[in-house]
Amino acid sequence: MNSRATAFDYWKEVRALAQEALGFIRDGMEESEAVDNAVDGNQWVIYTGMARKVIEYSPNDCAYFDDFGSVEVSNWGELFSCAADWAMRADVMEAMQTARDEEE
């Protein structure tokens, strides 16, 4: 875990994951599955300190709650990771769309 990770580092990772997901799609994978494969297990969502930074940096910090309303967790770390996971997925999907628009 990089405790000094910055917003620049986060958005660089988001863009890289978007490219990875687009590659999965070109190989025939469905978009939601491609995003799942790209984001699942990423250090930005599994480590509490970094997950807190995702929530700080992402404009989609409420994506989980917008989709599902509430979450049942047993500790703060789970809450941060859950919120960060969905925020990062939304950020990656937006970065994918930006990459597609730039290709046109």
PDB file of N, CA and C in Angstrom:
ATOM      1  N   MET A   1       0.841  -1.178   0.000  1.00  0.00           N
ATOM      2  CA  MET A   1       0.000   0.000   0.000  1.00  0.00           C
ATOM      3  C   MET A   1       0.882   1.236   0.000  1.00  0.00           C
ATOM      4  N   ASN A   2       0.516   2.201  -0.785  1.00  0.00           N
ATOM      5  CA  ASN A   2       1.249   3.451  -0.870  1.00  0.00           C
ATOM      6  C   ASN A   2       0.511   4.511  -0.062  1.00  0.00           C
ATOM      7  N   SER A   3       1.025   4.827   1.118  1.00  0.00           N
ATOM      8  CA  SER A   3       0.339   5.784   1.985  1.00  0.00           C
ATOM      9  C   SER A   3       0.439   7.215   1.459  1.00  0.00           C
ATOM     10  N   ARG A   4       1.283   7.442   0.469  1.00  0.00           N
ATOM     11  CA  ARG A   4       1.438   8.786  -0.095  1.00  0.00           C
ATOM     12  C   ARG A   4       0.769   8.917  -1.457  1.00  0.00           C
ATOM     13  N   ALA A   5      -0.121   8.030  -1.747  1.00  0.00           N
ATOM     14  CA  ALA A   5      -0.813   8.068  -3.034  1.00  0.00           C
ATOM     15  C   ALA A   5      -1.608   9.363  -3.162  1.00  0.00           C
ATOM     16  N   THR A   6      -1.499   9.957  -4.323  1.00  0.00           N
ATOM     17  CA  THR A   6      -2.137  11.247  -4.582  1.00  0.00           C
ATOM     18  C   THR A   6      -3.319  11.095  -5.533  1.00  0.00           C
ATOM     19  N   ALA A   7      -4.044  12.175  -5.693  1.00  0.00           N
ATOM     20  CA  ALA A   7      -5.141  12.179  -6.663  1.00  0.00           C
ATOM     21  C   ALA A   7      -4.607  11.891  -8.065  1.00  0.00           C
ATOM     22  N   PHE A   8      -3.427  12.420  -8.381  1.00  0.00           N
ATOM     23  CA  PHE A   8      -2.814  12.145  -9.684  1.00  0.00           C
ATOM     24  C   PHE A   8      -2.613  10.643  -9.859  1.00  0.00           C
ATOM     25  N   ASP A   9      -2.103   9.972  -8.813  1.00  0.00           N
ATOM     26  CA  ASP A   9      -1.879   8.524  -8.866  1.00  0.00           C
ATOM     27  C   ASP A   9      -3.194   7.778  -9.067  1.00  0.00           C
ATOM     28  N   TYR A  10      -4.222   8.228  -8.369  1.00  0.00           N
ATOM     29  CA  TYR A  10      -5.526   7.578  -8.488  1.00  0.00           C
ATOM     30  C   TYR A  10      -6.056   7.672  -9.916  1.00  0.00           C
ATOM     31  N   TRP A  11      -6.056   8.877 -10.478  1.00  0.00           N
ATOM     32  CA  TRP A  11      -6.618   9.048 -11.818  1.00  0.00           C
ATOM     33  C   TRP A  11      -5.771   8.366 -12.883  1.00  0.00           C
ATOM     34  N   LYS A  12      -4.474   8.276 -12.660  1.00  0.00           N
ATOM     35  CA  LYS A  12      -3.613   7.506 -13.572  1.00  0.00           C
ATOM     36  C   LYS A  12      -4.024   6.039 -13.549  1.00  0.00           C
ATOM     37  N   GLU A  13      -4.290   5.504 -12.361  1.00  0.00           N
ATOM     38  CA  GLU A  13      -4.737   4.115 -12.230  1.00  0.00           C
ATOM     39  C   GLU A  13      -6.106   3.919 -12.872  1.00  0.00           C
ATOM     40  N   VAL A  14      -7.008   4.859 -12.673  1.00  0.00           N
ATOM     41  CA  VAL A  14      -8.338   4.770 -13.277  1.00  0.00           C
ATOM     42  C   VAL A  14      -8.222   4.689 -14.798  1.00  0.00           C
ATOM     43  N   ARG A  15      -7.410   5.546 -15.389  1.00  0.00           N
ATOM     44  CA  ARG A  15      -7.247   5.525 -16.852  1.00  0.00           C
ATOM     45  C   ARG A  15      -6.643   4.200 -17.325  1.00  0.00           C
ATOM     46  N   ALA A  16      -5.681   3.677 -16.570  1.00  0.00           N
ATOM     47  CA  ALA A  16      -5.072   2.389 -16.933  1.00  0.00           C
ATOM     48  C   ALA A  16      -6.098   1.261 -16.834  1.00  0.00           C
ATOM     49  N   LEU A  17      -6.921   1.281 -15.800  1.00  0.00           N
ATOM     50  CA  LEU A  17      -7.959   0.255 -15.654  1.00  0.00           C
ATOM     51  C   LEU A  17      -9.010   0.381 -16.742  1.00  0.00           C
ATOM     52  N   ALA A  18      -9.300   1.591 -17.154  1.00  0.00           N
ATOM     53  CA  ALA A  18     -10.251   1.789 -18.246  1.00  0.00           C
ATOM     54  C   ALA A  18      -9.716   1.160 -19.532  1.00  0.00           C
ATOM     55  N   GLN A  19      -8.434   1.358 -19.803  1.00  0.00           N
ATOM     56  CA  GLN A  19      -7.828   0.749 -20.995  1.00  0.00           C
ATOM     57  C   GLN A  19      -7.847  -0.772 -20.892  1.00  0.00           C
ATOM     58  N   GLU A  20      -7.579  -1.289 -19.690  1.00  0.00           N
ATOM     59  CA  GLU A  20      -7.628  -2.741 -19.476  1.00  0.00           C
ATOM     60  C   GLU A  20      -9.032  -3.271 -19.740  1.00  0.00           C
ATOM     61  N   ALA A  21     -10.033  -2.584 -19.208  1.00  0.00           N
ATOM     62  CA  ALA A  21     -11.419  -3.012 -19.411  1.00  0.00           C
ATOM     63  C   ALA A  21     -11.806  -2.941 -20.883  1.00  0.00           C
ATOM     64  N   LEU A  22     -11.381  -1.901 -21.583  1.00  0.00           N
ATOM     65  CA  LEU A  22     -11.671  -1.797 -23.013  1.00  0.00           C
ATOM     66  C   LEU A  22     -11.032  -2.949 -23.789  1.00  0.00           C
ATOM     67  N   GLY A  23      -9.860  -3.373 -23.354  1.00  0.00           N
ATOM     68  CA  GLY A  23      -9.226  -4.540 -23.968  1.00  0.00           C
ATOM     69  C   GLY A  23     -10.045  -5.801 -23.756  1.00  0.00           C
ATOM     70  N   PHE A  24     -10.577  -5.957 -22.543  1.00  0.00           N
ATOM     71  CA  PHE A  24     -11.437  -7.115 -22.268  1.00  0.00           C
ATOM     72  C   PHE A  24     -12.672  -7.092 -23.169  1.00  0.00           C
ATOM     73  N   ILE A  25     -13.233  -5.909 -23.378  1.00  0.00           N
ATOM     74  CA  ILE A  25     -14.418  -5.768 -24.224  1.00  0.00           C
ATOM     75  C   ILE A  25     -14.079  -6.117 -25.671  1.00  0.00           C
ATOM     76  N   ARG A  26     -12.929  -5.648 -26.149  1.00  0.00           N
ATOM     77  CA  ARG A  26     -12.506  -5.988 -27.516  1.00  0.00           C
ATOM     78  C   ARG A  26     -12.342  -7.500 -27.678  1.00  0.00           C
ATOM     79  N   ASP A  27     -12.026  -8.187 -26.561  1.00  0.00           N
ATOM     80  CA  ASP A  27     -11.877  -9.640 -26.593  1.00  0.00           C
ATOM     81  C   ASP A  27     -13.210 -10.370 -26.428  1.00  0.00           C
ATOM     82  N   GLY A  28     -14.321  -9.600 -26.360  1.00  0.00           N
ATOM     83  CA  GLY A  28     -15.642 -10.212 -26.325  1.00  0.00           C
ATOM     84  C   GLY A  28     -16.346 -10.227 -24.982  1.00  0.00           C
ATOM     85  N   MET A  29     -15.775  -9.624 -23.981  1.00  0.00           N
ATOM     86  CA  MET A  29     -16.380  -9.621 -22.652  1.00  0.00           C
ATOM     87  C   MET A  29     -17.446  -8.521 -22.569  1.00  0.00           C
ATOM     88  N   GLU A  30     -18.486  -8.758 -21.795  1.00  0.00           N
ATOM     89  CA  GLU A  30     -19.512  -7.740 -21.543  1.00  0.00           C
ATOM     90  C   GLU A  30     -18.901  -6.589 -20.743  1.00  0.00           C
ATOM     91  N   GLU A  31     -19.427  -5.371 -20.925  1.00  0.00           N
ATOM     92  CA  GLU A  31     -18.843  -4.192 -20.283  1.00  0.00           C
ATOM     93  C   GLU A  31     -18.808  -4.302 -18.759  1.00  0.00           C
ATOM     94  N   SER A  32     -19.902  -4.696 -18.137  1.00  0.00           N
ATOM     95  CA  SER A  32     -19.919  -4.758 -16.668  1.00  0.00           C
ATOM     96  C   SER A  32     -18.925  -5.795 -16.143  1.00  0.00           C
ATOM     97  N   GLU A  33     -18.806  -6.903 -16.847  1.00  0.00           N
ATOM     98  CA  GLU A  33     -17.843  -7.930 -16.452  1.00  0.00           C
ATOM     99  C   GLU A  33     -16.408  -7.435 -16.644  1.00  0.00           C
ATOM    100  N   ALA A  34     -16.180  -6.686 -17.705  1.00  0.00           N
ATOM    101  CA  ALA A  34     -14.848  -6.142 -17.970  1.00  0.00           C
ATOM    102  C   ALA A  34     -14.437  -5.167 -16.869  1.00  0.00           C
ATOM    103  N   VAL A  35     -15.361  -4.312 -16.448  1.00  0.00           N
ATOM    104  CA  VAL A  35     -15.070  -3.367 -15.369  1.00  0.00           C
ATOM    105  C   VAL A  35     -14.833  -4.133 -14.064  1.00  0.00           C
ATOM    106  N   ASP A  36     -15.664  -5.134 -13.795  1.00  0.00           N
ATOM    107  CA  ASP A  36     -15.464  -5.964 -12.598  1.00  0.00           C
ATOM    108  C   ASP A  36     -14.072  -6.577 -12.580  1.00  0.00           C
ATOM    109  N   ASN A  37     -13.668  -7.156 -13.701  1.00  0.00           N
ATOM    110  CA  ASN A  37     -12.354  -7.801 -13.784  1.00  0.00           C
ATOM    111  C   ASN A  37     -11.210  -6.802 -13.616  1.00  0.00           C
ATOM    112  N   ALA A  38     -11.395  -5.606 -14.124  1.00  0.00           N
ATOM    113  CA  ALA A  38     -10.343  -4.600 -14.032  1.00  0.00           C
ATOM    114  C   ALA A  38     -10.197  -4.053 -12.610  1.00  0.00           C
ATOM    115  N   VAL A  39     -11.307  -3.835 -11.923  1.00  0.00           N
ATOM    116  CA  VAL A  39     -11.283  -3.176 -10.610  1.00  0.00           C
ATOM    117  C   VAL A  39     -11.136  -4.160  -9.451  1.00  0.00           C
ATOM    118  N   ASP A  40     -11.682  -5.342  -9.593  1.00  0.00           N
ATOM    119  CA  ASP A  40     -11.723  -6.305  -8.489  1.00  0.00           C
ATOM    120  C   ASP A  40     -10.336  -6.566  -7.902  1.00  0.00           C
ATOM    121  N   GLY A  41     -10.205  -6.367  -6.612  1.00  0.00           N
ATOM    122  CA  GLY A  41      -8.959  -6.645  -5.918  1.00  0.00           C
ATOM    123  C   GLY A  41      -7.904  -5.574  -6.045  1.00  0.00           C
ATOM    124  N   ASN A  42      -8.234  -4.449  -6.668  1.00  0.00           N
ATOM    125  CA  ASN A  42      -7.259  -3.373  -6.834  1.00  0.00           C
ATOM    126  C   ASN A  42      -6.875  -2.806  -5.469  1.00  0.00           C
ATOM    127  N   GLN A  43      -5.606  -2.440  -5.329  1.00  0.00           N
ATOM    128  CA  GLN A  43      -5.115  -1.920  -4.053  1.00  0.00           C
ATOM    129  C   GLN A  43      -5.876  -0.680  -3.596  1.00  0.00           C
ATOM    130  N   TRP A  44      -6.413   0.087  -4.531  1.00  0.00           N
ATOM    131  CA  TRP A  44      -7.156   1.292  -4.163  1.00  0.00           C
ATOM    132  C   TRP A  44      -8.464   0.967  -3.449  1.00  0.00           C
ATOM    133  N   VAL A  45      -8.966  -0.245  -3.584  1.00  0.00           N
ATOM    134  CA  VAL A  45     -10.220  -0.579  -2.898  1.00  0.00           C
ATOM    135  C   VAL A  45     -10.044  -1.580  -1.770  1.00  0.00           C
ATOM    136  N   ILE A  46      -8.959  -2.336  -1.754  1.00  0.00           N
ATOM    137  CA  ILE A  46      -8.828  -3.358  -0.705  1.00  0.00           C
ATOM    138  C   ILE A  46      -8.117  -2.858   0.544  1.00  0.00           C
ATOM    139  N   TYR A  47      -7.315  -1.811   0.421  1.00  0.00           N
ATOM    140  CA  TYR A  47      -6.616  -1.266   1.584  1.00  0.00           C
ATOM    141  C   TYR A  47      -7.379  -0.054   2.106  1.00  0.00           C
ATOM    142  N   THR A  48      -7.725  -0.092   3.379  1.00  0.00           N
ATOM    143  CA  THR A  48      -8.575   0.945   3.968  1.00  0.00           C
ATOM    144  C   THR A  48      -8.025   2.343   3.737  1.00  0.00           C
ATOM    145  N   GLY A  49      -6.739   2.555   3.948  1.00  0.00           N
ATOM    146  CA  GLY A  49      -6.164   3.880   3.772  1.00  0.00           C
ATOM    147  C   GLY A  49      -6.331   4.402   2.362  1.00  0.00           C
ATOM    148  N   MET A  50      -6.145   3.529   1.398  1.00  0.00           N
ATOM    149  CA  MET A  50      -6.290   3.944  -0.002  1.00  0.00           C
ATOM    150  C   MET A  50      -7.762   4.088  -0.371  1.00  0.00           C
ATOM    151  N   ALA A  51      -8.605   3.228   0.182  1.00  0.00           N
ATOM    152  CA  ALA A  51     -10.041   3.329  -0.081  1.00  0.00           C
ATOM    153  C   ALA A  51     -10.582   4.673   0.406  1.00  0.00           C
ATOM    154  N   ARG A  52     -10.089   5.126   1.527  1.00  0.00           N
ATOM    155  CA  ARG A  52     -10.496   6.447   2.027  1.00  0.00           C
ATOM    156  C   ARG A  52     -10.108   7.537   1.035  1.00  0.00           C
ATOM    157  N   LYS A  53      -8.964   7.372   0.381  1.00  0.00           N
ATOM    158  CA  LYS A  53      -8.529   8.366  -0.603  1.00  0.00           C
ATOM    159  C   LYS A  53      -9.400   8.326  -1.858  1.00  0.00           C
ATOM    160  N   VAL A  54      -9.845   7.128  -2.250  1.00  0.00           N
ATOM    161  CA  VAL A  54     -10.766   7.039  -3.390  1.00  0.00           C
ATOM    162  C   VAL A  54     -12.014   7.857  -3.088  1.00  0.00           C
ATOM    163  N   ILE A  55     -12.534   7.698  -1.888  1.00  0.00           N
ATOM    164  CA  ILE A  55     -13.738   8.436  -1.496  1.00  0.00           C
ATOM    165  C   ILE A  55     -13.467   9.942  -1.521  1.00  0.00           C
ATOM    166  N   GLU A  56     -12.271  10.324  -1.151  1.00  0.00           N
ATOM    167  CA  GLU A  56     -11.885  11.742  -1.175  1.00  0.00           C
ATOM    168  C   GLU A  56     -11.738  12.260  -2.605  1.00  0.00           C
ATOM    169  N   TYR A  57     -11.113  11.482  -3.494  1.00  0.00           N
ATOM    170  CA  TYR A  57     -10.782  11.936  -4.846  1.00  0.00           C
ATOM    171  C   TYR A  57     -11.909  11.776  -5.863  1.00  0.00           C
ATOM    172  N   SER A  58     -12.784  10.816  -5.657  1.00  0.00           N
ATOM    173  CA  SER A  58     -13.786  10.478  -6.664  1.00  0.00           C
ATOM    174  C   SER A  58     -15.051  11.328  -6.544  1.00  0.00           C
ATOM    175  N   PRO A  59     -15.549  11.828  -7.669  1.00  0.00           N
ATOM    176  CA  PRO A  59     -16.848  12.501  -7.638  1.00  0.00           C
ATOM    177  C   PRO A  59     -17.996  11.489  -7.515  1.00  0.00           C
ATOM    178  N   ASN A  60     -17.677  10.213  -7.623  1.00  0.00           N
ATOM    179  CA  ASN A  60     -18.673   9.141  -7.535  1.00  0.00           C
ATOM    180  C   ASN A  60     -18.637   8.446  -6.180  1.00  0.00           C
ATOM    181  N   ASP A  61     -18.266   9.180  -5.143  1.00  0.00           N
ATOM    182  CA  ASP A  61     -18.095   8.588  -3.821  1.00  0.00           C
ATOM    183  C   ASP A  61     -19.376   7.984  -3.245  1.00  0.00           C
ATOM    184  N   CYS A  62     -20.519   8.364  -3.764  1.00  0.00           N
ATOM    185  CA  CYS A  62     -21.795   7.824  -3.269  1.00  0.00           C
ATOM    186  C   CYS A  62     -22.405   6.812  -4.238  1.00  0.00           C
ATOM    187  N   ALA A  63     -21.639   6.306  -5.192  1.00  0.00           N
ATOM    188  CA  ALA A  63     -22.182   5.405  -6.216  1.00  0.00           C
ATOM    189  C   ALA A  63     -22.865   4.188  -5.615  1.00  0.00           C
ATOM    190  N   TYR A  64     -22.258   3.570  -4.601  1.00  0.00           N
ATOM    191  CA  TYR A  64     -22.879   2.391  -3.994  1.00  0.00           C
ATOM    192  C   TYR A  64     -24.225   2.754  -3.396  1.00  0.00           C
ATOM    193  N   PHE A  65     -24.257   3.841  -2.645  1.00  0.00           N
ATOM    194  CA  PHE A  65     -25.484   4.245  -1.959  1.00  0.00           C
ATOM    195  C   PHE A  65     -26.551   4.711  -2.939  1.00  0.00           C
ATOM    196  N   ASP A  66     -26.132   5.309  -4.053  1.00  0.00           N
ATOM    197  CA  ASP A  66     -27.082   5.698  -5.094  1.00  0.00           C
ATOM    198  C   ASP A  66     -27.740   4.469  -5.708  1.00  0.00           C
ATOM    199  N   ASP A  67     -26.971   3.384  -5.862  1.00  0.00           N
ATOM    200  CA  ASP A  67     -27.501   2.165  -6.482  1.00  0.00           C
ATOM    201  C   ASP A  67     -28.270   1.283  -5.508  1.00  0.00           C
ATOM    202  N   PHE A  68     -27.801   1.197  -4.256  1.00  0.00           N
ATOM    203  CA  PHE A  68     -28.357   0.216  -3.332  1.00  0.00           C
ATOM    204  C   PHE A  68     -28.974   0.797  -2.063  1.00  0.00           C
ATOM    205  N   GLY A  69     -28.763   2.052  -1.786  1.00  0.00           N
ATOM    206  CA  GLY A  69     -29.364   2.678  -0.614  1.00  0.00           C
ATOM    207  C   GLY A  69     -28.508   2.596   0.629  1.00  0.00           C
ATOM    208  N   SER A  70     -28.316   1.422   1.143  1.00  0.00           N
ATOM    209  CA  SER A  70     -27.533   1.279   2.368  1.00  0.00           C
ATOM    210  C   SER A  70     -26.677   0.021   2.274  1.00  0.00           C
ATOM    211  N   VAL A  71     -25.776  -0.107   3.228  1.00  0.00           N
ATOM    212  CA  VAL A  71     -24.870  -1.245   3.240  1.00  0.00           C
ATOM    213  C   VAL A  71     -24.726  -1.737   4.672  1.00  0.00           C
ATOM    214  N   GLU A  72     -24.679  -3.040   4.830  1.00  0.00           N
ATOM    215  CA  GLU A  72     -24.451  -3.623   6.149  1.00  0.00           C
ATOM    216  C   GLU A  72     -23.003  -4.090   6.229  1.00  0.00           C
ATOM    217  N   VAL A  73     -22.256  -3.480   7.117  1.00  0.00           N
ATOM    218  CA  VAL A  73     -20.852  -3.824   7.318  1.00  0.00           C
ATOM    219  C   VAL A  73     -20.591  -3.949   8.809  1.00  0.00           C
ATOM    220  N   SER A  74     -19.485  -4.593   9.136  1.00  0.00           N
ATOM    221  CA  SER A  74     -19.158  -4.783  10.551  1.00  0.00           C
ATOM    222  C   SER A  74     -18.089  -3.828  11.050  1.00  0.00           C
ATOM    223  N   ASN A  75     -17.455  -3.074  10.133  1.00  0.00           N
ATOM    224  CA  ASN A  75     -16.436  -2.120  10.579  1.00  0.00           C
ATOM    225  C   ASN A  75     -16.232  -1.041   9.520  1.00  0.00           C
ATOM    226  N   TRP A  76     -15.514  -0.013   9.898  1.00  0.00           N
ATOM    227  CA  TRP A  76     -15.266   1.110   9.000  1.00  0.00           C
ATOM    228  C   TRP A  76     -14.484   0.696   7.760  1.00  0.00           C
ATOM    229  N   GLY A  77     -13.533  -0.206   7.917  1.00  0.00           N
ATOM    230  CA  GLY A  77     -12.740  -0.650   6.778  1.00  0.00           C
ATOM    231  C   GLY A  77     -13.611  -1.238   5.680  1.00  0.00           C
ATOM    232  N   GLU A  78     -14.594  -2.053   6.072  1.00  0.00           N
ATOM    233  CA  GLU A  78     -15.508  -2.627   5.085  1.00  0.00           C
ATOM    234  C   GLU A  78     -16.328  -1.545   4.396  1.00  0.00           C
ATOM    235  N   LEU A  79     -16.764  -0.567   5.170  1.00  0.00           N
ATOM    236  CA  LEU A  79     -17.551   0.525   4.591  1.00  0.00           C
ATOM    237  C   LEU A  79     -16.724   1.308   3.569  1.00  0.00           C
ATOM    238  N   PHE A  80     -15.485   1.671   3.944  1.00  0.00           N
ATOM    239  CA  PHE A  80     -14.630   2.414   3.021  1.00  0.00           C
ATOM    240  C   PHE A  80     -14.355   1.606   1.765  1.00  0.00           C
ATOM    241  N   SER A  81     -14.057   0.318   1.924  1.00  0.00           N
ATOM    242  CA  SER A  81     -13.754  -0.521   0.757  1.00  0.00           C
ATOM    243  C   SER A  81     -14.959  -0.676  -0.162  1.00  0.00           C
ATOM    244  N   CYS A  82     -16.120  -0.852   0.428  1.00  0.00           N
ATOM    245  CA  CYS A  82     -17.340  -0.996  -0.371  1.00  0.00           C
ATOM    246  C   CYS A  82     -17.616   0.284  -1.164  1.00  0.00           C
ATOM    247  N   ALA A  83     -17.570   1.419  -0.484  1.00  0.00           N
ATOM    248  CA  ALA A  83     -17.824   2.700  -1.158  1.00  0.00           C
ATOM    249  C   ALA A  83     -16.755   2.967  -2.217  1.00  0.00           C
ATOM    250  N   ALA A  84     -15.503   2.680  -1.901  1.00  0.00           N
ATOM    251  CA  ALA A  84     -14.411   2.921  -2.847  1.00  0.00           C
ATOM    252  C   ALA A  84     -14.538   2.027  -4.075  1.00  0.00           C
ATOM    253  N   ASP A  85     -14.925   0.776  -3.864  1.00  0.00           N
ATOM    254  CA  ASP A  85     -15.075  -0.150  -4.979  1.00  0.00           C
ATOM    255  C   ASP A  85     -16.080   0.375  -5.998  1.00  0.00           C
ATOM    256  N   TRP A  86     -17.231   0.786  -5.534  1.00  0.00           N
ATOM    257  CA  TRP A  86     -18.261   1.276  -6.452  1.00  0.00           C
ATOM    258  C   TRP A  86     -17.898   2.623  -7.050  1.00  0.00           C
ATOM    259  N   ALA A  87     -17.229   3.489  -6.275  1.00  0.00           N
ATOM    260  CA  ALA A  87     -16.780   4.772  -6.810  1.00  0.00           C
ATOM    261  C   ALA A  87     -15.768   4.549  -7.923  1.00  0.00           C
ATOM    262  N   MET A  88     -14.819   3.649  -7.688  1.00  0.00           N
ATOM    263  CA  MET A  88     -13.793   3.393  -8.690  1.00  0.00           C
ATOM    264  C   MET A  88     -14.399   2.771  -9.943  1.00  0.00           C
ATOM    265  N   ARG A  89     -15.349   1.876  -9.777  1.00  0.00           N
ATOM    266  CA  ARG A  89     -16.019   1.294 -10.945  1.00  0.00           C
ATOM    267  C   ARG A  89     -16.673   2.397 -11.787  1.00  0.00           C
ATOM    268  N   ALA A  90     -17.351   3.325 -11.122  1.00  0.00           N
ATOM    269  CA  ALA A  90     -18.000   4.426 -11.838  1.00  0.00           C
ATOM    270  C   ALA A  90     -16.957   5.307 -12.521  1.00  0.00           C
ATOM    271  N   ASP A  91     -15.850   5.571 -11.830  1.00  0.00           N
ATOM    272  CA  ASP A  91     -14.784   6.377 -12.424  1.00  0.00           C
ATOM    273  C   ASP A  91     -14.182   5.687 -13.645  1.00  0.00           C
ATOM    274  N   VAL A  92     -13.989   4.378 -13.554  1.00  0.00           N
ATOM    275  CA  VAL A  92     -13.437   3.617 -14.682  1.00  0.00           C
ATOM    276  C   VAL A  92     -14.405   3.643 -15.861  1.00  0.00           C
ATOM    277  N   MET A  93     -15.691   3.499 -15.592  1.00  0.00           N
ATOM    278  CA  MET A  93     -16.672   3.543 -16.682  1.00  0.00           C
ATOM    279  C   MET A  93     -16.671   4.911 -17.368  1.00  0.00           C
ATOM    280  N   GLU A  94     -16.538   5.977 -16.574  1.00  0.00           N
ATOM    281  CA  GLU A  94     -16.471   7.312 -17.162  1.00  0.00           C
ATOM    282  C   GLU A  94     -15.184   7.480 -17.979  1.00  0.00           C
ATOM    283  N   ALA A  95     -14.081   6.956 -17.473  1.00  0.00           N
ATOM    284  CA  ALA A  95     -12.807   7.032 -18.209  1.00  0.00           C
ATOM    285  C   ALA A  95     -12.875   6.218 -19.496  1.00  0.00           C
ATOM    286  N   MET A  96     -13.595   5.110 -19.474  1.00  0.00           N
ATOM    287  CA  MET A  96     -13.782   4.315 -20.688  1.00  0.00           C
ATOM    288  C   MET A  96     -14.529   5.132 -21.734  1.00  0.00           C
ATOM    289  N   GLN A  97     -15.564   5.836 -21.305  1.00  0.00           N
ATOM    290  CA  GLN A  97     -16.338   6.644 -22.241  1.00  0.00           C
ATOM    291  C   GLN A  97     -15.481   7.773 -22.808  1.00  0.00           C
ATOM    292  N   THR A  98     -14.671   8.392 -21.965  1.00  0.00           N
ATOM    293  CA  THR A  98     -13.769   9.443 -22.430  1.00  0.00           C
ATOM    294  C   THR A  98     -12.798   8.893 -23.467  1.00  0.00           C
ATOM    295  N   ALA A  99     -12.249   7.712 -23.202  1.00  0.00           N
ATOM    296  CA  ALA A  99     -11.314   7.090 -24.152  1.00  0.00           C
ATOM    297  C   ALA A  99     -12.012   6.788 -25.476  1.00  0.00           C
ATOM    298  N   ARG A 100     -13.247   6.326 -25.403  1.00  0.00           N
ATOM    299  CA  ARG A 100     -14.009   6.042 -26.631  1.00  0.00           C
ATOM    300  C   ARG A 100     -14.241   7.324 -27.420  1.00  0.00           C
ATOM    301  N   ASP A 101     -14.611   8.387 -26.704  1.00  0.00           N
ATOM    302  CA  ASP A 101     -14.874   9.674 -27.367  1.00  0.00           C
ATOM    303  C   ASP A 101     -13.612  10.201 -28.041  1.00  0.00           C
ATOM    304  N   GLU A 102     -12.466  10.016 -27.402  1.00  0.00           N
ATOM    305  CA  GLU A 102     -11.206  10.487 -27.972  1.00  0.00           C
ATOM    306  C   GLU A 102     -10.794   9.702 -29.202  1.00  0.00           C
ATOM    307  N   GLU A 103     -11.236   8.441 -29.295  1.00  0.00           N
ATOM    308  CA  GLU A 103     -10.904   7.611 -30.454  1.00  0.00           C
ATOM    309  C   GLU A 103     -11.692   8.030 -31.690  1.00  0.00           C
ATOM    310  N   GLU A 104     -12.832   8.653 -31.484  1.00  0.00           N
ATOM    311  CA  GLU A 104     -13.710   9.031 -32.611  1.00  0.00           C
ATOM    312  C   GLU A 104     -13.207  10.206 -33.369  1.00  0.00           C
TER     313      GLU A 104
END
